[in-house]
Amino acid sequence: MSGVVPTAPEQPAGEMENQTKPPDPRPDAPPEYNSHFLPGPPGTAVPPPTGYPGGLPMGYYSPQQPSTFPLYQPVGGTHPVRYQPGKYPMPNQSVPITWMPGPTPMANCPPGLEYLVQLDNIHVLQHFEPLEMMTCFETNNRYDIKNNSDQMVYIVTEDTDDFTRNAYRTLRPFVLRVTDCMGREIMTMQRPFRCTCCCFCCPSARQELEVQCPPGVTIGFVAEHWNLCRAVYSIQNEKKENVMRVRGPCSTYGCGSDSVFEVKSLDGVSNIGSIIRKWNGLLSAMADADHFDIHFPLDLDVKMKAMIFGACFLIDFMYFERSPPQRSR
């Protein structure tokens, strides 16, 4: 029996395959690693930014936490960096506009003019159009109307076709549309074309602006009066009856200083308000980026406030609108 060699007991075929098959390199759960990180003293608790219930993903920098590293935009990942509103605007994110809170409707007040009831001073800011200077192509004017708190009150947009703008330039007839925060057109201002080839004292050559509020309902006119030395206008009601006068300076261009247009009573004794064209340095002399300050009494009739507001645009087009130079052919 010494010649018999002992052998291992036979095993089923399934167990043999399990022994010869290599282990799966992908475990069901990741192995636990010992961390060599030593926690330091606890710091000030910072709430997680909006959009991340449990904090920022790993590798993202939070602008709310102090650090010596500059801000950066990660190239990968599924979660964008969220900056604090108003402090770190993204390149493709438009700057938010703060509007004046909408007032409640008032009796005997045209819809949309309730804002002017609460104000005694507004700012008219014209948009700077660099495309005009580069291409010598006149574009539609745009204005932002703001209060003293830098809140938007209205947006004024010119609605004139390309041929009229570039053929007649500063003498062009125009339509200005005033919209509120809801995008509703609450006021329309129209200037008809007046030929300046006639004598200046001829009534057909004097400029005029019609103000409608709401659009289609005329509330008054701004009419130019001929004067040898200075700009003079009359503010009229819907019946073309003179109500107030606007008296400008002898030098309307005001190079190096503000140009003040006084709003006075018909007898010229009482000073009601003013339209001031602010001097913005080299930008005022070379480009269309005018800034006007309009002052009127707080208790003035809201329709007359709208008329003084409209007179500002007729003054701008007549004395401070600079068309881009036409290229010589």
C-alpha atoms as a PDB file:
ATOM      1  CA  MET A   1       0.000   0.000   0.000  1.00  0.00           C
ATOM      2  CA  SER A   2       3.093   2.207   0.168  1.00  0.00           C
ATOM      3  CA  GLY A   3       2.966   2.815  -3.579  1.00  0.00           C
ATOM      4  CA  VAL A   4      -0.345   4.634  -3.404  1.00  0.00           C
ATOM      5  CA  VAL A   5       0.039   8.437  -3.493  1.00  0.00           C
ATOM      6  CA  PRO A   6      -2.613  10.317  -1.516  1.00  0.00           C
ATOM      7  CA  THR A   7      -4.626  12.822  -3.540  1.00  0.00           C
ATOM      8  CA  ALA A   8      -6.844  15.697  -2.544  1.00  0.00           C
ATOM      9  CA  PRO A   9     -10.532  15.046  -2.467  1.00  0.00           C
ATOM     10  CA  GLU A  10     -12.345  15.921  -5.629  1.00  0.00           C
ATOM     11  CA  GLN A  11     -14.315  19.260  -5.621  1.00  0.00           C
ATOM     12  CA  PRO A  12     -17.292  20.262  -7.736  1.00  0.00           C
ATOM     13  CA  ALA A  13     -16.639  22.035 -11.019  1.00  0.00           C
ATOM     14  CA  GLY A  14     -18.303  25.286  -9.807  1.00  0.00           C
ATOM     15  CA  GLU A  15     -15.923  25.605  -6.865  1.00  0.00           C
ATOM     16  CA  MET A  16     -12.956  24.993  -9.124  1.00  0.00           C
ATOM     17  CA  GLU A  17     -13.972  27.879 -11.358  1.00  0.00           C
ATOM     18  CA  ASN A  18     -14.307  30.181  -8.354  1.00  0.00           C
ATOM     19  CA  GLN A  19     -10.777  29.355  -7.210  1.00  0.00           C
ATOM     20  CA  THR A  20      -9.194  29.897 -10.642  1.00  0.00           C
ATOM     21  CA  LYS A  21     -11.161  33.144 -11.419  1.00  0.00           C
ATOM     22  CA  PRO A  22      -9.179  36.272 -10.356  1.00  0.00           C
ATOM     23  CA  PRO A  23     -10.842  38.621  -7.884  1.00  0.00           C
ATOM     24  CA  ASP A  24     -12.951  41.488  -9.278  1.00  0.00           C
ATOM     25  CA  PRO A  25     -10.761  44.654  -9.324  1.00  0.00           C
ATOM     26  CA  ARG A  26     -13.897  46.783  -8.772  1.00  0.00           C
ATOM     27  CA  PRO A  27     -15.033  46.270  -5.183  1.00  0.00           C
ATOM     28  CA  ASP A  28     -18.573  46.920  -4.127  1.00  0.00           C
ATOM     29  CA  ALA A  29     -17.469  49.716  -1.819  1.00  0.00           C
ATOM     30  CA  PRO A  30     -14.291  51.811  -1.900  1.00  0.00           C
ATOM     31  CA  PRO A  31     -11.702  50.816   0.672  1.00  0.00           C
ATOM     32  CA  GLU A  32     -11.222  52.950   3.691  1.00  0.00           C
ATOM     33  CA  TYR A  33      -8.057  55.025   3.801  1.00  0.00           C
ATOM     34  CA  ASN A  34      -6.414  56.477   6.829  1.00  0.00           C
ATOM     35  CA  SER A  35      -6.311  60.243   6.588  1.00  0.00           C
ATOM     36  CA  HIS A  36      -3.140  62.084   7.686  1.00  0.00           C
ATOM     37  CA  PHE A  37      -5.045  65.364   7.980  1.00  0.00           C
ATOM     38  CA  LEU A  38      -4.905  66.924  11.426  1.00  0.00           C
ATOM     39  CA  PRO A  39      -7.899  69.177  12.065  1.00  0.00           C
ATOM     40  CA  GLY A  40      -7.152  72.653  13.371  1.00  0.00           C
ATOM     41  CA  PRO A  41      -9.162  74.938  15.602  1.00  0.00           C
ATOM     42  CA  PRO A  42     -12.712  75.582  14.416  1.00  0.00           C
ATOM     43  CA  GLY A  43     -13.267  78.802  12.467  1.00  0.00           C
ATOM     44  CA  THR A  44     -16.201  81.079  11.966  1.00  0.00           C
ATOM     45  CA  ALA A  45     -19.217  79.307  10.524  1.00  0.00           C
ATOM     46  CA  VAL A  46     -20.063  80.514   7.016  1.00  0.00           C
ATOM     47  CA  PRO A  47     -23.472  79.669   5.550  1.00  0.00           C
ATOM     48  CA  PRO A  48     -23.313  77.812   2.249  1.00  0.00           C
ATOM     49  CA  PRO A  49     -24.094  79.872  -0.869  1.00  0.00           C
ATOM     50  CA  THR A  50     -27.438  79.650  -2.586  1.00  0.00           C
ATOM     51  CA  GLY A  51     -27.853  76.489  -4.620  1.00  0.00           C
ATOM     52  CA  TYR A  52     -25.660  74.169  -2.549  1.00  0.00           C
ATOM     53  CA  PRO A  53     -27.453  72.704   0.481  1.00  0.00           C
ATOM     54  CA  GLY A  54     -24.305  71.054   1.806  1.00  0.00           C
ATOM     55  CA  GLY A  55     -21.711  73.600   0.741  1.00  0.00           C
ATOM     56  CA  LEU A  56     -19.559  73.988  -2.351  1.00  0.00           C
ATOM     57  CA  PRO A  57     -18.178  70.973  -4.214  1.00  0.00           C
ATOM     58  CA  MET A  58     -14.592  69.984  -3.571  1.00  0.00           C
ATOM     59  CA  GLY A  59     -12.089  72.228  -5.337  1.00  0.00           C
ATOM     60  CA  TYR A  60     -14.425  75.228  -5.683  1.00  0.00           C
ATOM     61  CA  TYR A  61     -13.571  78.556  -4.104  1.00  0.00           C
ATOM     62  CA  SER A  62     -16.220  80.431  -2.204  1.00  0.00           C
ATOM     63  CA  PRO A  63     -16.027  84.242  -2.408  1.00  0.00           C
ATOM     64  CA  GLN A  64     -17.602  84.391   1.041  1.00  0.00           C
ATOM     65  CA  GLN A  65     -14.542  82.848   2.681  1.00  0.00           C
ATOM     66  CA  PRO A  66     -11.351  84.893   3.162  1.00  0.00           C
ATOM     67  CA  SER A  67      -8.422  83.572   1.208  1.00  0.00           C
ATOM     68  CA  THR A  68      -5.195  84.725  -0.406  1.00  0.00           C
ATOM     69  CA  PHE A  69      -6.041  82.991  -3.659  1.00  0.00           C
ATOM     70  CA  PRO A  70      -7.653  85.034  -6.465  1.00  0.00           C
ATOM     71  CA  LEU A  71     -11.052  84.258  -7.879  1.00  0.00           C
ATOM     72  CA  TYR A  72     -11.054  81.728 -10.685  1.00  0.00           C
ATOM     73  CA  GLN A  73     -13.531  79.980 -12.893  1.00  0.00           C
ATOM     74  CA  PRO A  74     -13.168  76.163 -12.920  1.00  0.00           C
ATOM     75  CA  VAL A  75     -12.990  74.595 -16.345  1.00  0.00           C
ATOM     76  CA  GLY A  76     -14.867  71.442 -15.452  1.00  0.00           C
ATOM     77  CA  GLY A  77     -17.587  70.262 -13.182  1.00  0.00           C
ATOM     78  CA  THR A  78     -21.311  70.287 -13.197  1.00  0.00           C
ATOM     79  CA  HIS A  79     -21.856  73.079 -10.659  1.00  0.00           C
ATOM     80  CA  PRO A  80     -21.075  76.715 -11.559  1.00  0.00           C
ATOM     81  CA  VAL A  81     -19.576  79.131  -9.086  1.00  0.00           C
ATOM     82  CA  ARG A  82     -22.196  81.366  -7.503  1.00  0.00           C
ATOM     83  CA  TYR A  83     -21.015  84.897  -6.715  1.00  0.00           C
ATOM     84  CA  GLN A  84     -22.639  87.318  -4.348  1.00  0.00           C
ATOM     85  CA  PRO A  85     -25.335  89.295  -6.192  1.00  0.00           C
ATOM     86  CA  GLY A  86     -24.084  92.630  -7.436  1.00  0.00           C
ATOM     87  CA  LYS A  87     -20.431  92.113  -6.480  1.00  0.00           C
ATOM     88  CA  TYR A  88     -19.042  89.648  -8.976  1.00  0.00           C
ATOM     89  CA  PRO A  89     -21.115  89.791 -12.216  1.00  0.00           C
ATOM     90  CA  MET A  90     -20.442  86.993 -14.655  1.00  0.00           C
ATOM     91  CA  PRO A  91     -19.237  87.927 -18.173  1.00  0.00           C
ATOM     92  CA  ASN A  92     -22.483  86.729 -19.765  1.00  0.00           C
ATOM     93  CA  GLN A  93     -24.724  88.144 -17.034  1.00  0.00           C
ATOM     94  CA  SER A  94     -26.432  91.500 -17.540  1.00  0.00           C
ATOM     95  CA  VAL A  95     -26.187  94.094 -14.800  1.00  0.00           C
ATOM     96  CA  PRO A  96     -29.422  94.076 -12.774  1.00  0.00           C
ATOM     97  CA  ILE A  97     -31.623  97.175 -13.005  1.00  0.00           C
ATOM     98  CA  THR A  98     -33.151  98.590  -9.842  1.00  0.00           C
ATOM     99  CA  TRP A  99     -36.530 100.124 -10.561  1.00  0.00           C
ATOM    100  CA  MET A 100     -38.388 102.647  -8.486  1.00  0.00           C
ATOM    101  CA  PRO A 101     -41.257 100.971  -6.602  1.00  0.00           C
ATOM    102  CA  GLY A 102     -44.483 101.273  -8.526  1.00  0.00           C
ATOM    103  CA  PRO A 103     -46.963 103.714  -6.956  1.00  0.00           C
ATOM    104  CA  THR A 104     -50.674 103.107  -6.654  1.00  0.00           C
ATOM    105  CA  PRO A 105     -53.016 104.600  -9.294  1.00  0.00           C
ATOM    106  CA  MET A 106     -54.199 108.114  -8.500  1.00  0.00           C
ATOM    107  CA  ALA A 107     -57.283 110.054  -9.472  1.00  0.00           C
ATOM    108  CA  ASN A 108     -56.915 112.800 -12.098  1.00  0.00           C
ATOM    109  CA  CYS A 109     -53.455 111.479 -13.001  1.00  0.00           C
ATOM    110  CA  PRO A 110     -52.669 109.971 -16.402  1.00  0.00           C
ATOM    111  CA  PRO A 111     -51.607 106.337 -16.028  1.00  0.00           C
ATOM    112  CA  GLY A 112     -47.857 106.043 -15.684  1.00  0.00           C
ATOM    113  CA  LEU A 113     -47.274 109.550 -14.357  1.00  0.00           C
ATOM    114  CA  GLU A 114     -47.773 108.490 -10.733  1.00  0.00           C
ATOM    115  CA  TYR A 115     -43.977 108.247 -10.470  1.00  0.00           C
ATOM    116  CA  LEU A 116     -43.590 111.974 -11.167  1.00  0.00           C
ATOM    117  CA  VAL A 117     -46.071 112.845  -8.410  1.00  0.00           C
ATOM    118  CA  GLN A 118     -43.549 111.602  -5.831  1.00  0.00           C
ATOM    119  CA  LEU A 119     -40.491 113.282  -7.365  1.00  0.00           C
ATOM    120  CA  ASP A 120     -39.083 116.806  -7.497  1.00  0.00           C
ATOM    121  CA  ASN A 121     -35.885 115.899  -9.352  1.00  0.00           C
ATOM    122  CA  ILE A 122     -35.079 113.404 -12.123  1.00  0.00           C
ATOM    123  CA  HIS A 123     -31.937 112.600 -14.099  1.00  0.00           C
ATOM    124  CA  VAL A 124     -31.907 112.029 -17.861  1.00  0.00           C
ATOM    125  CA  LEU A 125     -28.910 109.925 -18.918  1.00  0.00           C
ATOM    126  CA  GLN A 126     -28.287 109.377 -22.612  1.00  0.00           C
ATOM    127  CA  HIS A 127     -26.657 106.126 -23.714  1.00  0.00           C
ATOM    128  CA  PHE A 128     -23.212 106.443 -25.258  1.00  0.00           C
ATOM    129  CA  GLU A 129     -23.101 104.803 -28.692  1.00  0.00           C
ATOM    130  CA  PRO A 130     -19.496 104.086 -29.762  1.00  0.00           C
ATOM    131  CA  LEU A 131     -20.815 102.533 -32.980  1.00  0.00           C
ATOM    132  CA  GLU A 132     -21.801 106.005 -34.174  1.00  0.00           C
ATOM    133  CA  MET A 133     -18.250 107.298 -33.849  1.00  0.00           C
ATOM    134  CA  MET A 134     -16.711 104.280 -35.577  1.00  0.00           C
ATOM    135  CA  THR A 135     -19.172 103.868 -38.450  1.00  0.00           C
ATOM    136  CA  CYS A 136     -20.518 107.459 -38.802  1.00  0.00           C
ATOM    137  CA  PHE A 137     -24.011 105.945 -38.802  1.00  0.00           C
ATOM    138  CA  GLU A 138     -26.645 107.735 -36.759  1.00  0.00           C
ATOM    139  CA  THR A 139     -28.560 105.371 -34.459  1.00  0.00           C
ATOM    140  CA  ASN A 140     -31.697 105.825 -32.375  1.00  0.00           C
ATOM    141  CA  ASN A 141     -31.127 107.702 -29.141  1.00  0.00           C
ATOM    142  CA  ARG A 142     -31.799 105.955 -25.842  1.00  0.00           C
ATOM    143  CA  TYR A 143     -32.138 107.478 -22.399  1.00  0.00           C
ATOM    144  CA  ASP A 144     -32.394 106.222 -18.816  1.00  0.00           C
ATOM    145  CA  ILE A 145     -34.550 108.243 -16.444  1.00  0.00           C
ATOM    146  CA  LYS A 146     -33.539 107.867 -12.785  1.00  0.00           C
ATOM    147  CA  ASN A 147     -34.336 109.409  -9.428  1.00  0.00           C
ATOM    148  CA  ASN A 148     -31.901 110.640  -6.785  1.00  0.00           C
ATOM    149  CA  SER A 149     -31.601 107.101  -5.382  1.00  0.00           C
ATOM    150  CA  ASP A 150     -30.264 105.859  -8.738  1.00  0.00           C
ATOM    151  CA  GLN A 151     -33.466 103.886  -9.300  1.00  0.00           C
ATOM    152  CA  MET A 152     -34.818 103.576 -12.807  1.00  0.00           C
ATOM    153  CA  VAL A 153     -38.060 105.468 -13.400  1.00  0.00           C
ATOM    154  CA  TYR A 154     -38.535 105.351 -17.176  1.00  0.00           C
ATOM    155  CA  ILE A 155     -36.744 104.284 -20.344  1.00  0.00           C
ATOM    156  CA  VAL A 156     -36.960 106.585 -23.368  1.00  0.00           C
ATOM    157  CA  THR A 157     -36.297 105.169 -26.839  1.00  0.00           C
ATOM    158  CA  GLU A 158     -36.284 106.994 -30.149  1.00  0.00           C
ATOM    159  CA  ASP A 159     -38.352 105.412 -32.920  1.00  0.00           C
ATOM    160  CA  THR A 160     -37.115 106.859 -36.224  1.00  0.00           C
ATOM    161  CA  ASP A 161     -36.233 105.036 -39.452  1.00  0.00           C
ATOM    162  CA  ASP A 162     -32.633 104.849 -40.656  1.00  0.00           C
ATOM    163  CA  PHE A 163     -33.113 107.076 -43.707  1.00  0.00           C
ATOM    164  CA  THR A 164     -34.694 109.928 -41.743  1.00  0.00           C
ATOM    165  CA  ARG A 165     -32.038 109.828 -39.029  1.00  0.00           C
ATOM    166  CA  ASN A 166     -29.075 109.893 -41.404  1.00  0.00           C
ATOM    167  CA  ALA A 167     -30.594 112.259 -43.983  1.00  0.00           C
ATOM    168  CA  TYR A 168     -31.864 114.998 -41.659  1.00  0.00           C
ATOM    169  CA  ARG A 169     -29.484 114.403 -38.744  1.00  0.00           C
ATOM    170  CA  THR A 170     -30.203 116.828 -35.883  1.00  0.00           C
ATOM    171  CA  LEU A 171     -33.140 118.413 -37.733  1.00  0.00           C
ATOM    172  CA  ARG A 172     -34.927 115.092 -38.136  1.00  0.00           C
ATOM    173  CA  PRO A 173     -38.504 114.586 -37.037  1.00  0.00           C
ATOM    174  CA  PHE A 174     -38.652 111.993 -34.311  1.00  0.00           C
ATOM    175  CA  VAL A 175     -40.900 109.984 -32.035  1.00  0.00           C
ATOM    176  CA  LEU A 176     -39.778 109.240 -28.481  1.00  0.00           C
ATOM    177  CA  ARG A 177     -41.512 106.436 -26.593  1.00  0.00           C
ATOM    178  CA  VAL A 178     -41.434 106.427 -22.783  1.00  0.00           C
ATOM    179  CA  THR A 179     -41.895 103.035 -21.110  1.00  0.00           C
ATOM    180  CA  ASP A 180     -42.139 102.058 -17.457  1.00  0.00           C
ATOM    181  CA  CYS A 181     -40.876  99.037 -15.522  1.00  0.00           C
ATOM    182  CA  MET A 182     -43.597  96.827 -17.026  1.00  0.00           C
ATOM    183  CA  GLY A 183     -42.613  97.756 -20.569  1.00  0.00           C
ATOM    184  CA  ARG A 184     -45.820  99.737 -21.101  1.00  0.00           C
ATOM    185  CA  GLU A 185     -45.656 102.849 -23.242  1.00  0.00           C
ATOM    186  CA  ILE A 186     -47.009 105.536 -20.963  1.00  0.00           C
ATOM    187  CA  MET A 187     -45.948 108.638 -22.915  1.00  0.00           C
ATOM    188  CA  THR A 188     -45.140 109.629 -26.504  1.00  0.00           C
ATOM    189  CA  MET A 189     -43.266 112.720 -27.675  1.00  0.00           C
ATOM    190  CA  GLN A 190     -43.325 113.806 -31.320  1.00  0.00           C
ATOM    191  CA  ARG A 191     -41.419 116.520 -33.170  1.00  0.00           C
ATOM    192  CA  PRO A 192     -42.553 117.302 -36.714  1.00  0.00           C
ATOM    193  CA  PHE A 193     -40.132 118.384 -39.394  1.00  0.00           C
ATOM    194  CA  ARG A 194     -39.647 122.134 -39.641  1.00  0.00           C
ATOM    195  CA  CYS A 195     -37.742 123.701 -42.518  1.00  0.00           C
ATOM    196  CA  THR A 196     -34.926 125.953 -41.325  1.00  0.00           C
ATOM    197  CA  CYS A 197     -34.315 127.506 -44.740  1.00  0.00           C
ATOM    198  CA  CYS A 198     -36.915 130.201 -44.012  1.00  0.00           C
ATOM    199  CA  CYS A 199     -36.341 133.224 -41.846  1.00  0.00           C
ATOM    200  CA  PHE A 200     -35.844 132.385 -38.185  1.00  0.00           C
ATOM    201  CA  CYS A 201     -38.686 134.670 -37.196  1.00  0.00           C
ATOM    202  CA  CYS A 202     -41.107 132.780 -39.451  1.00  0.00           C
ATOM    203  CA  PRO A 203     -43.513 130.626 -37.399  1.00  0.00           C
ATOM    204  CA  SER A 204     -43.136 127.714 -39.820  1.00  0.00           C
ATOM    205  CA  ALA A 205     -39.448 127.474 -38.980  1.00  0.00           C
ATOM    206  CA  ARG A 206     -39.858 127.263 -35.208  1.00  0.00           C
ATOM    207  CA  GLN A 207     -39.430 123.891 -33.552  1.00  0.00           C
ATOM    208  CA  GLU A 208     -42.276 122.270 -31.666  1.00  0.00           C
ATOM    209  CA  LEU A 209     -42.754 119.167 -29.545  1.00  0.00           C
ATOM    210  CA  GLU A 210     -46.071 117.472 -28.785  1.00  0.00           C
ATOM    211  CA  VAL A 211     -46.447 115.418 -25.607  1.00  0.00           C
ATOM    212  CA  GLN A 212     -49.081 112.699 -25.371  1.00  0.00           C
ATOM    213  CA  CYS A 213     -49.956 110.840 -22.177  1.00  0.00           C
ATOM    214  CA  PRO A 214     -51.283 108.247 -22.556  1.00  0.00           C
ATOM    215  CA  PRO A 215     -50.261 107.832 -26.211  1.00  0.00           C
ATOM    216  CA  GLY A 216     -52.899 109.403 -28.418  1.00  0.00           C
ATOM    217  CA  VAL A 217     -54.071 111.926 -25.794  1.00  0.00           C
ATOM    218  CA  THR A 218     -52.300 115.293 -26.079  1.00  0.00           C
ATOM    219  CA  ILE A 219     -51.535 117.013 -22.787  1.00  0.00           C
ATOM    220  CA  GLY A 220     -49.444 119.913 -24.126  1.00  0.00           C
ATOM    221  CA  PHE A 221     -46.841 121.379 -26.464  1.00  0.00           C
ATOM    222  CA  VAL A 222     -43.349 122.832 -26.197  1.00  0.00           C
ATOM    223  CA  ALA A 223     -42.949 125.678 -28.708  1.00  0.00           C
ATOM    224  CA  GLU A 224     -39.781 127.559 -29.642  1.00  0.00           C
ATOM    225  CA  HIS A 225     -39.739 131.355 -29.702  1.00  0.00           C
ATOM    226  CA  TRP A 226     -37.334 133.279 -31.849  1.00  0.00           C
ATOM    227  CA  ASN A 227     -34.697 135.171 -29.906  1.00  0.00           C
ATOM    228  CA  LEU A 228     -31.473 136.730 -31.083  1.00  0.00           C
ATOM    229  CA  CYS A 229     -29.333 135.893 -28.037  1.00  0.00           C
ATOM    230  CA  ARG A 230     -30.720 132.891 -26.166  1.00  0.00           C
ATOM    231  CA  ALA A 231     -33.025 129.874 -26.340  1.00  0.00           C
ATOM    232  CA  VAL A 232     -36.607 130.673 -25.374  1.00  0.00           C
ATOM    233  CA  TYR A 233     -39.533 128.226 -25.254  1.00  0.00           C
ATOM    234  CA  SER A 234     -43.107 128.298 -24.069  1.00  0.00           C
ATOM    235  CA  ILE A 235     -44.795 125.348 -22.388  1.00  0.00           C
ATOM    236  CA  GLN A 236     -48.419 125.122 -23.480  1.00  0.00           C
ATOM    237  CA  ASN A 237     -51.415 123.056 -22.447  1.00  0.00           C
ATOM    238  CA  GLU A 238     -53.493 120.882 -24.775  1.00  0.00           C
ATOM    239  CA  LYS A 239     -55.262 124.013 -26.102  1.00  0.00           C
ATOM    240  CA  LYS A 240     -51.928 125.645 -26.981  1.00  0.00           C
ATOM    241  CA  GLU A 241     -52.328 128.207 -24.252  1.00  0.00           C
ATOM    242  CA  ASN A 242     -49.050 129.400 -22.733  1.00  0.00           C
ATOM    243  CA  VAL A 243     -48.540 128.195 -19.161  1.00  0.00           C
ATOM    244  CA  MET A 244     -44.798 128.531 -18.461  1.00  0.00           C
ATOM    245  CA  ARG A 245     -41.644 129.754 -20.170  1.00  0.00           C
ATOM    246  CA  VAL A 246     -38.189 128.229 -20.501  1.00  0.00           C
ATOM    247  CA  ARG A 247     -35.270 130.639 -20.756  1.00  0.00           C
ATOM    248  CA  GLY A 248     -31.841 129.331 -21.702  1.00  0.00           C
ATOM    249  CA  PRO A 249     -28.357 130.826 -21.358  1.00  0.00           C
ATOM    250  CA  CYS A 250     -26.697 133.042 -23.959  1.00  0.00           C
ATOM    251  CA  SER A 251     -24.181 130.302 -24.711  1.00  0.00           C
ATOM    252  CA  THR A 252     -26.177 127.099 -24.909  1.00  0.00           C
ATOM    253  CA  TYR A 253     -23.185 124.904 -25.651  1.00  0.00           C
ATOM    254  CA  GLY A 254     -21.664 125.556 -22.224  1.00  0.00           C
ATOM    255  CA  CYS A 255     -18.157 124.296 -22.970  1.00  0.00           C
ATOM    256  CA  GLY A 256     -16.510 123.631 -19.609  1.00  0.00           C
ATOM    257  CA  SER A 257     -19.580 124.409 -17.482  1.00  0.00           C
ATOM    258  CA  ASP A 258     -23.202 123.403 -16.976  1.00  0.00           C
ATOM    259  CA  SER A 259     -25.931 124.887 -19.172  1.00  0.00           C
ATOM    260  CA  VAL A 260     -28.941 126.026 -17.138  1.00  0.00           C
ATOM    261  CA  PHE A 261     -32.397 126.467 -18.694  1.00  0.00           C
ATOM    262  CA  GLU A 262     -34.688 128.198 -16.207  1.00  0.00           C
ATOM    263  CA  VAL A 263     -38.389 127.369 -16.058  1.00  0.00           C
ATOM    264  CA  LYS A 264     -40.281 130.519 -15.103  1.00  0.00           C
ATOM    265  CA  SER A 265     -43.832 131.795 -14.887  1.00  0.00           C
ATOM    266  CA  LEU A 266     -45.299 133.745 -17.798  1.00  0.00           C
ATOM    267  CA  ASP A 267     -44.471 137.112 -16.202  1.00  0.00           C
ATOM    268  CA  GLY A 268     -40.885 135.977 -15.630  1.00  0.00           C
ATOM    269  CA  VAL A 269     -40.958 136.727 -11.903  1.00  0.00           C
ATOM    270  CA  SER A 270     -41.426 133.312 -10.286  1.00  0.00           C
ATOM    271  CA  ASN A 271     -38.789 130.635 -10.756  1.00  0.00           C
ATOM    272  CA  ILE A 272     -40.590 127.283 -11.098  1.00  0.00           C
ATOM    273  CA  GLY A 273     -37.789 124.861 -11.936  1.00  0.00           C
ATOM    274  CA  SER A 274     -34.799 124.241 -14.158  1.00  0.00           C
ATOM    275  CA  ILE A 275     -33.331 121.937 -16.810  1.00  0.00           C
ATOM    276  CA  ILE A 276     -29.567 121.635 -16.327  1.00  0.00           C
ATOM    277  CA  ARG A 277     -27.326 120.017 -18.862  1.00  0.00           C
ATOM    278  CA  LYS A 278     -24.350 118.700 -16.878  1.00  0.00           C
ATOM    279  CA  TRP A 279     -20.837 119.080 -18.223  1.00  0.00           C
ATOM    280  CA  ASN A 280     -19.140 115.658 -18.355  1.00  0.00           C
ATOM    281  CA  GLY A 281     -15.748 116.765 -19.566  1.00  0.00           C
ATOM    282  CA  LEU A 282     -14.330 115.436 -22.808  1.00  0.00           C
ATOM    283  CA  LEU A 283     -17.243 113.020 -23.209  1.00  0.00           C
ATOM    284  CA  SER A 284     -19.676 115.929 -23.469  1.00  0.00           C
ATOM    285  CA  ALA A 285     -17.584 117.639 -26.128  1.00  0.00           C
ATOM    286  CA  MET A 286     -16.912 114.668 -28.400  1.00  0.00           C
ATOM    287  CA  ALA A 287     -19.845 112.250 -28.046  1.00  0.00           C
ATOM    288  CA  ASP A 288     -23.586 112.032 -27.462  1.00  0.00           C
ATOM    289  CA  ALA A 289     -23.676 111.092 -23.790  1.00  0.00           C
ATOM    290  CA  ASP A 290     -25.636 113.957 -22.287  1.00  0.00           C
ATOM    291  CA  HIS A 291     -26.726 114.141 -18.671  1.00  0.00           C
ATOM    292  CA  PHE A 292     -29.621 116.394 -17.681  1.00  0.00           C
ATOM    293  CA  ASP A 293     -30.926 117.268 -14.225  1.00  0.00           C
ATOM    294  CA  ILE A 294     -34.572 118.349 -14.144  1.00  0.00           C
ATOM    295  CA  HIS A 295     -35.921 120.164 -11.081  1.00  0.00           C
ATOM    296  CA  PHE A 296     -39.544 121.106 -10.402  1.00  0.00           C
ATOM    297  CA  PRO A 297     -41.703 121.649  -7.295  1.00  0.00           C
ATOM    298  CA  LEU A 298     -43.038 118.520  -5.652  1.00  0.00           C
ATOM    299  CA  ASP A 299     -46.590 119.883  -5.628  1.00  0.00           C
ATOM    300  CA  LEU A 300     -46.549 121.006  -9.278  1.00  0.00           C
ATOM    301  CA  ASP A 301     -49.321 119.635 -11.494  1.00  0.00           C
ATOM    302  CA  VAL A 302     -48.126 116.266 -12.789  1.00  0.00           C
ATOM    303  CA  LYS A 303     -48.987 117.180 -16.388  1.00  0.00           C
ATOM    304  CA  MET A 304     -46.756 120.241 -16.163  1.00  0.00           C
ATOM    305  CA  LYS A 305     -43.997 118.033 -14.770  1.00  0.00           C
ATOM    306  CA  ALA A 306     -44.376 115.853 -17.845  1.00  0.00           C
ATOM    307  CA  MET A 307     -44.194 118.953 -20.069  1.00  0.00           C
ATOM    308  CA  ILE A 308     -40.940 120.121 -18.452  1.00  0.00           C
ATOM    309  CA  PHE A 309     -39.677 116.565 -18.886  1.00  0.00           C
ATOM    310  CA  GLY A 310     -40.556 116.711 -22.599  1.00  0.00           C
ATOM    311  CA  ALA A 311     -38.915 120.117 -23.055  1.00  0.00           C
ATOM    312  CA  CYS A 312     -35.625 118.543 -22.007  1.00  0.00           C
ATOM    313  CA  PHE A 313     -35.559 116.351 -25.126  1.00  0.00           C
ATOM    314  CA  LEU A 314     -36.342 119.182 -27.533  1.00  0.00           C
ATOM    315  CA  ILE A 315     -33.476 121.145 -25.992  1.00  0.00           C
ATOM    316  CA  ASP A 316     -31.176 118.139 -26.308  1.00  0.00           C
ATOM    317  CA  PHE A 317     -31.913 117.620 -29.997  1.00  0.00           C
ATOM    318  CA  MET A 318     -31.625 121.301 -30.874  1.00  0.00           C
ATOM    319  CA  TYR A 319     -28.451 122.235 -29.002  1.00  0.00           C
ATOM    320  CA  PHE A 320     -26.569 119.180 -27.750  1.00  0.00           C
ATOM    321  CA  GLU A 321     -27.204 116.438 -30.313  1.00  0.00           C
ATOM    322  CA  ARG A 322     -23.985 115.819 -32.250  1.00  0.00           C
ATOM    323  CA  SER A 323     -24.303 113.748 -35.369  1.00  0.00           C
ATOM    324  CA  PRO A 324     -21.270 111.649 -36.318  1.00  0.00           C
ATOM    325  CA  PRO A 325     -19.189 113.264 -39.091  1.00  0.00           C
ATOM    326  CA  GLN A 326     -19.980 112.015 -42.570  1.00  0.00           C
ATOM    327  CA  ARG A 327     -17.111 110.537 -44.511  1.00  0.00           C
ATOM    328  CA  SER A 328     -16.053 112.435 -47.590  1.00  0.00           C
ATOM    329  CA  ARG A 329     -16.293 110.530 -50.825  1.00  0.00           C
END
